[in-house]
Amino acid sequence: MRRALSILATTVALGAVSPAMAQQVGEVGVDWLGNDIIVEAIKDPKVEGVTCHVSYFDRGVIDRLQKGNWFENPSDSAISCQQTGPISIGEIDLSQEGEEVFKQGISLIWKEQVVNRIYDKQNETLIYLAHSRQVQDGSAKMSMTTVPLYGQNVIWTKGKPQ
């Protein structure tokens, strides 16, 4: 319940809608202060058959009181993406920057957890990068995973990039 209220407040404050929806699939308590590690499943909205699992730290009330920072979670996150069905790729951004697949607020106002997808054409691989975004200073904390397409029966709805 605490998590749902936090997400609702952050979403309302940011006025943002995520490109993809996350579904919480796990919650591991790490200490007696109420701190948890949350695990969410995210389906790529433009790539059928790929599911990413993202984990991040959710601070409890006691930890927030002790540290004095009520309104944000740490920037740490981990990601793992796997093929979970036949792969069908829609119209995706093929630039080196790729495109944002998912984002959610991890502070009351500015800080976001983001997942970007990049297509590595030369190696026929989808790269998923999880990181945090802060308005004043970016975070160097990131995690990356890949989904190889080489040798797979992949359907490109707009034709395979040449």
C-alpha atoms as a PDB file:
ATOM      1  CA  MET A   1       0.000   0.000   0.000  1.00  0.00           C
ATOM      2  CA  ARG A   2       2.821   2.393   0.916  1.00  0.00           C
ATOM      3  CA  ARG A   3       4.410   1.719  -2.509  1.00  0.00           C
ATOM      4  CA  ALA A   4       1.148   2.339  -4.380  1.00  0.00           C
ATOM      5  CA  LEU A   5       0.609   5.681  -2.617  1.00  0.00           C
ATOM      6  CA  SER A   6       4.209   6.688  -3.334  1.00  0.00           C
ATOM      7  CA  ILE A   7       3.842   5.915  -7.044  1.00  0.00           C
ATOM      8  CA  LEU A   8       0.485   7.705  -7.230  1.00  0.00           C
ATOM      9  CA  ALA A   9       1.864  10.834  -5.534  1.00  0.00           C
ATOM     10  CA  THR A  10       4.936  10.873  -7.753  1.00  0.00           C
ATOM     11  CA  THR A  11       2.915  10.356 -10.938  1.00  0.00           C
ATOM     12  CA  VAL A  12       0.504  13.138 -10.014  1.00  0.00           C
ATOM     13  CA  ALA A  13       3.402  15.463  -9.108  1.00  0.00           C
ATOM     14  CA  LEU A  14       5.215  14.751 -12.368  1.00  0.00           C
ATOM     15  CA  GLY A  15       2.137  14.595 -14.560  1.00  0.00           C
ATOM     16  CA  ALA A  16       3.899  11.785 -16.425  1.00  0.00           C
ATOM     17  CA  VAL A  17       2.612   8.613 -18.002  1.00  0.00           C
ATOM     18  CA  SER A  18       5.076   5.771 -18.536  1.00  0.00           C
ATOM     19  CA  PRO A  19       5.563   4.414 -22.068  1.00  0.00           C
ATOM     20  CA  ALA A  20       5.318   0.916 -20.546  1.00  0.00           C
ATOM     21  CA  MET A  21       3.631  -0.273 -17.382  1.00  0.00           C
ATOM     22  CA  ALA A  22       5.513  -2.118 -14.654  1.00  0.00           C
ATOM     23  CA  GLN A  23       4.008  -4.983 -12.712  1.00  0.00           C
ATOM     24  CA  GLN A  24       5.450  -5.671  -9.263  1.00  0.00           C
ATOM     25  CA  VAL A  25       6.406  -9.355  -9.085  1.00  0.00           C
ATOM     26  CA  GLY A  26       8.552  -9.375  -5.941  1.00  0.00           C
ATOM     27  CA  GLU A  27       9.333  -7.506  -2.736  1.00  0.00           C
ATOM     28  CA  VAL A  28      12.202  -8.537  -0.462  1.00  0.00           C
ATOM     29  CA  GLY A  29      12.577  -6.996   2.994  1.00  0.00           C
ATOM     30  CA  VAL A  30      16.243  -6.218   3.648  1.00  0.00           C
ATOM     31  CA  ASP A  31      16.232  -4.951   7.239  1.00  0.00           C
ATOM     32  CA  TRP A  32      14.092  -4.053  10.239  1.00  0.00           C
ATOM     33  CA  LEU A  33      13.868  -0.399   9.112  1.00  0.00           C
ATOM     34  CA  GLY A  34      11.253  -1.284   6.467  1.00  0.00           C
ATOM     35  CA  ASN A  35      13.616  -0.980   3.509  1.00  0.00           C
ATOM     36  CA  ASP A  36      12.702  -3.259   0.615  1.00  0.00           C
ATOM     37  CA  ILE A  37      14.030  -4.337  -2.750  1.00  0.00           C
ATOM     38  CA  ILE A  38      11.224  -4.178  -5.311  1.00  0.00           C
ATOM     39  CA  VAL A  39      11.259  -6.350  -8.448  1.00  0.00           C
ATOM     40  CA  GLU A  40       9.053  -5.327 -11.369  1.00  0.00           C
ATOM     41  CA  ALA A  41       8.353  -6.909 -14.754  1.00  0.00           C
ATOM     42  CA  ILE A  42       8.223  -4.562 -17.746  1.00  0.00           C
ATOM     43  CA  LYS A  43       7.124  -5.598 -21.226  1.00  0.00           C
ATOM     44  CA  ASP A  44       8.649  -3.582 -24.061  1.00  0.00           C
ATOM     45  CA  PRO A  45       5.664  -1.933 -25.796  1.00  0.00           C
ATOM     46  CA  LYS A  46       7.339  -2.072 -29.245  1.00  0.00           C
ATOM     47  CA  VAL A  47       9.079  -5.450 -28.947  1.00  0.00           C
ATOM     48  CA  GLU A  48       6.759  -8.382 -28.312  1.00  0.00           C
ATOM     49  CA  GLY A  49       8.349 -11.391 -26.679  1.00  0.00           C
ATOM     50  CA  VAL A  50      10.827  -9.489 -24.472  1.00  0.00           C
ATOM     51  CA  THR A  51      10.305  -8.977 -20.743  1.00  0.00           C
ATOM     52  CA  CYS A  52      12.627  -6.967 -18.514  1.00  0.00           C
ATOM     53  CA  HIS A  53      12.871  -7.396 -14.767  1.00  0.00           C
ATOM     54  CA  VAL A  54      14.057  -4.315 -12.910  1.00  0.00           C
ATOM     55  CA  SER A  55      14.957  -4.210  -9.222  1.00  0.00           C
ATOM     56  CA  TYR A  56      15.489  -1.137  -7.063  1.00  0.00           C
ATOM     57  CA  PHE A  57      15.662  -0.056  -3.430  1.00  0.00           C
ATOM     58  CA  ASP A  58      12.529   1.345  -1.754  1.00  0.00           C
ATOM     59  CA  ARG A  59      13.312   3.169   1.500  1.00  0.00           C
ATOM     60  CA  GLY A  60      11.092   2.607   4.541  1.00  0.00           C
ATOM     61  CA  VAL A  61       9.681   5.292   6.825  1.00  0.00           C
ATOM     62  CA  ILE A  62      12.273   4.758   9.602  1.00  0.00           C
ATOM     63  CA  ASP A  63      15.151   5.062   7.105  1.00  0.00           C
ATOM     64  CA  ARG A  64      13.604   8.235   5.693  1.00  0.00           C
ATOM     65  CA  LEU A  65      13.360   9.706   9.223  1.00  0.00           C
ATOM     66  CA  GLN A  66      16.962   8.773  10.069  1.00  0.00           C
ATOM     67  CA  LYS A  67      18.486  10.140   6.849  1.00  0.00           C
ATOM     68  CA  GLY A  68      16.305  13.253   6.710  1.00  0.00           C
ATOM     69  CA  ASN A  69      15.542  12.870   3.010  1.00  0.00           C
ATOM     70  CA  TRP A  70      11.853  11.987   2.864  1.00  0.00           C
ATOM     71  CA  PHE A  71      11.219  12.352  -0.828  1.00  0.00           C
ATOM     72  CA  GLU A  72      13.565  10.127  -2.810  1.00  0.00           C
ATOM     73  CA  ASN A  73      14.912   6.634  -3.213  1.00  0.00           C
ATOM     74  CA  PRO A  74      18.532   5.808  -4.110  1.00  0.00           C
ATOM     75  CA  SER A  75      19.501   5.716  -7.800  1.00  0.00           C
ATOM     76  CA  ASP A  76      20.624   2.071  -7.679  1.00  0.00           C
ATOM     77  CA  SER A  77      18.832  -0.365  -9.972  1.00  0.00           C
ATOM     78  CA  ALA A  78      19.487  -3.639 -11.764  1.00  0.00           C
ATOM     79  CA  ILE A  79      17.944  -4.973 -14.978  1.00  0.00           C
ATOM     80  CA  SER A  80      17.731  -8.299 -16.785  1.00  0.00           C
ATOM     81  CA  CYS A  81      15.807  -8.767 -20.033  1.00  0.00           C
ATOM     82  CA  GLN A  82      15.048 -12.098 -21.678  1.00  0.00           C
ATOM     83  CA  GLN A  83      13.085 -13.499 -24.571  1.00  0.00           C
ATOM     84  CA  THR A  84       9.766 -14.684 -23.121  1.00  0.00           C
ATOM     85  CA  GLY A  85       7.979 -15.505 -26.375  1.00  0.00           C
ATOM     86  CA  PRO A  86       8.247 -15.105 -30.157  1.00  0.00           C
ATOM     87  CA  ILE A  87       9.973 -11.786 -30.908  1.00  0.00           C
ATOM     88  CA  SER A  88       8.115  -9.276 -33.065  1.00  0.00           C
ATOM     89  CA  ILE A  89       9.661  -5.815 -33.406  1.00  0.00           C
ATOM     90  CA  GLY A  90       7.558  -2.804 -34.321  1.00  0.00           C
ATOM     91  CA  GLU A  91       8.823   0.599 -35.374  1.00  0.00           C
ATOM     92  CA  ILE A  92      11.704   1.287 -32.979  1.00  0.00           C
ATOM     93  CA  ASP A  93      14.200   4.137 -32.802  1.00  0.00           C
ATOM     94  CA  LEU A  94      17.408   2.946 -34.500  1.00  0.00           C
ATOM     95  CA  SER A  95      19.610   5.876 -33.386  1.00  0.00           C
ATOM     96  CA  GLN A  96      22.556   5.449 -31.008  1.00  0.00           C
ATOM     97  CA  GLU A  97      20.526   7.104 -28.243  1.00  0.00           C
ATOM     98  CA  GLY A  98      17.708   4.603 -28.697  1.00  0.00           C
ATOM     99  CA  GLU A  99      14.413   5.294 -27.010  1.00  0.00           C
ATOM    100  CA  GLU A 100      12.866   5.324 -23.594  1.00  0.00           C
ATOM    101  CA  VAL A 101      10.872   2.164 -22.895  1.00  0.00           C
ATOM    102  CA  PHE A 102       9.923   2.873 -19.275  1.00  0.00           C
ATOM    103  CA  LYS A 103      10.199   5.568 -16.624  1.00  0.00           C
ATOM    104  CA  GLN A 104       8.906   6.150 -13.130  1.00  0.00           C
ATOM    105  CA  GLY A 105       9.529   8.764 -10.485  1.00  0.00           C
ATOM    106  CA  ILE A 106      11.816   7.836  -7.604  1.00  0.00           C
ATOM    107  CA  SER A 107      11.561  11.189  -5.874  1.00  0.00           C
ATOM    108  CA  LEU A 108       8.745  13.616  -5.244  1.00  0.00           C
ATOM    109  CA  ILE A 109       9.672  15.939  -8.100  1.00  0.00           C
ATOM    110  CA  TRP A 110      12.668  15.464 -10.407  1.00  0.00           C
ATOM    111  CA  LYS A 111      14.426  12.116 -10.124  1.00  0.00           C
ATOM    112  CA  GLU A 112      13.329   9.294 -12.443  1.00  0.00           C
ATOM    113  CA  GLN A 113      14.270   5.667 -12.980  1.00  0.00           C
ATOM    114  CA  VAL A 114      14.505   5.108 -16.751  1.00  0.00           C
ATOM    115  CA  VAL A 115      14.958   2.138 -19.090  1.00  0.00           C
ATOM    116  CA  ASN A 116      16.217   2.860 -22.625  1.00  0.00           C
ATOM    117  CA  ARG A 117      16.350   0.405 -25.531  1.00  0.00           C
ATOM    118  CA  ILE A 118      19.187   0.659 -28.078  1.00  0.00           C
ATOM    119  CA  TYR A 119      19.438  -1.492 -31.199  1.00  0.00           C
ATOM    120  CA  ASP A 120      22.974  -2.674 -32.002  1.00  0.00           C
ATOM    121  CA  LYS A 121      22.539  -3.351 -35.731  1.00  0.00           C
ATOM    122  CA  GLN A 122      26.066  -4.681 -36.317  1.00  0.00           C
ATOM    123  CA  ASN A 123      25.678  -7.358 -33.620  1.00  0.00           C
ATOM    124  CA  GLU A 124      21.917  -7.883 -34.046  1.00  0.00           C
ATOM    125  CA  THR A 125      21.259  -7.221 -30.383  1.00  0.00           C
ATOM    126  CA  LEU A 126      18.769  -5.223 -28.329  1.00  0.00           C
ATOM    127  CA  ILE A 127      20.421  -3.408 -25.417  1.00  0.00           C
ATOM    128  CA  TYR A 128      18.395  -2.310 -22.402  1.00  0.00           C
ATOM    129  CA  LEU A 129      19.964   0.293 -20.100  1.00  0.00           C
ATOM    130  CA  ALA A 130      18.521   1.135 -16.672  1.00  0.00           C
ATOM    131  CA  HIS A 131      19.643   4.406 -15.077  1.00  0.00           C
ATOM    132  CA  SER A 132      18.353   7.315 -13.064  1.00  0.00           C
ATOM    133  CA  ARG A 133      17.788  10.777 -14.404  1.00  0.00           C
ATOM    134  CA  GLN A 134      18.131  13.860 -12.264  1.00  0.00           C
ATOM    135  CA  VAL A 135      17.547  17.398 -13.473  1.00  0.00           C
ATOM    136  CA  GLN A 136      20.506  18.974 -11.648  1.00  0.00           C
ATOM    137  CA  ASP A 137      23.080  16.234 -12.019  1.00  0.00           C
ATOM    138  CA  GLY A 138      22.849  12.877 -13.713  1.00  0.00           C
ATOM    139  CA  SER A 139      23.632   9.637 -11.977  1.00  0.00           C
ATOM    140  CA  ALA A 140      26.461   7.342 -13.033  1.00  0.00           C
ATOM    141  CA  LYS A 141      24.662   4.380 -11.461  1.00  0.00           C
ATOM    142  CA  MET A 142      23.405   2.160 -14.246  1.00  0.00           C
ATOM    143  CA  SER A 143      22.774  -1.420 -15.230  1.00  0.00           C
ATOM    144  CA  MET A 144      22.648  -3.013 -18.684  1.00  0.00           C
ATOM    145  CA  THR A 145      21.394  -6.224 -20.270  1.00  0.00           C
ATOM    146  CA  THR A 146      21.141  -7.509 -23.835  1.00  0.00           C
ATOM    147  CA  VAL A 147      18.770  -9.669 -25.864  1.00  0.00           C
ATOM    148  CA  PRO A 148      20.572 -11.277 -28.836  1.00  0.00           C
ATOM    149  CA  LEU A 149      18.576 -11.453 -32.069  1.00  0.00           C
ATOM    150  CA  TYR A 150      21.209 -13.252 -34.165  1.00  0.00           C
ATOM    151  CA  GLY A 151      19.944 -16.622 -35.339  1.00  0.00           C
ATOM    152  CA  GLN A 152      16.479 -15.990 -33.874  1.00  0.00           C
ATOM    153  CA  ASN A 153      13.265 -16.069 -35.876  1.00  0.00           C
ATOM    154  CA  VAL A 154      12.506 -12.352 -35.454  1.00  0.00           C
ATOM    155  CA  ILE A 155       9.589 -10.646 -37.151  1.00  0.00           C
ATOM    156  CA  TRP A 156      10.192  -6.991 -38.065  1.00  0.00           C
ATOM    157  CA  THR A 157       6.751  -5.468 -38.728  1.00  0.00           C
ATOM    158  CA  LYS A 158       8.264  -2.606 -40.786  1.00  0.00           C
ATOM    159  CA  GLY A 159      11.035  -4.718 -42.350  1.00  0.00           C
ATOM    160  CA  LYS A 160      14.469  -5.492 -40.918  1.00  0.00           C
ATOM    161  CA  PRO A 161      16.806  -2.443 -40.904  1.00  0.00           C
ATOM    162  CA  GLN A 162      19.468  -2.623 -43.598  1.00  0.00           C
END
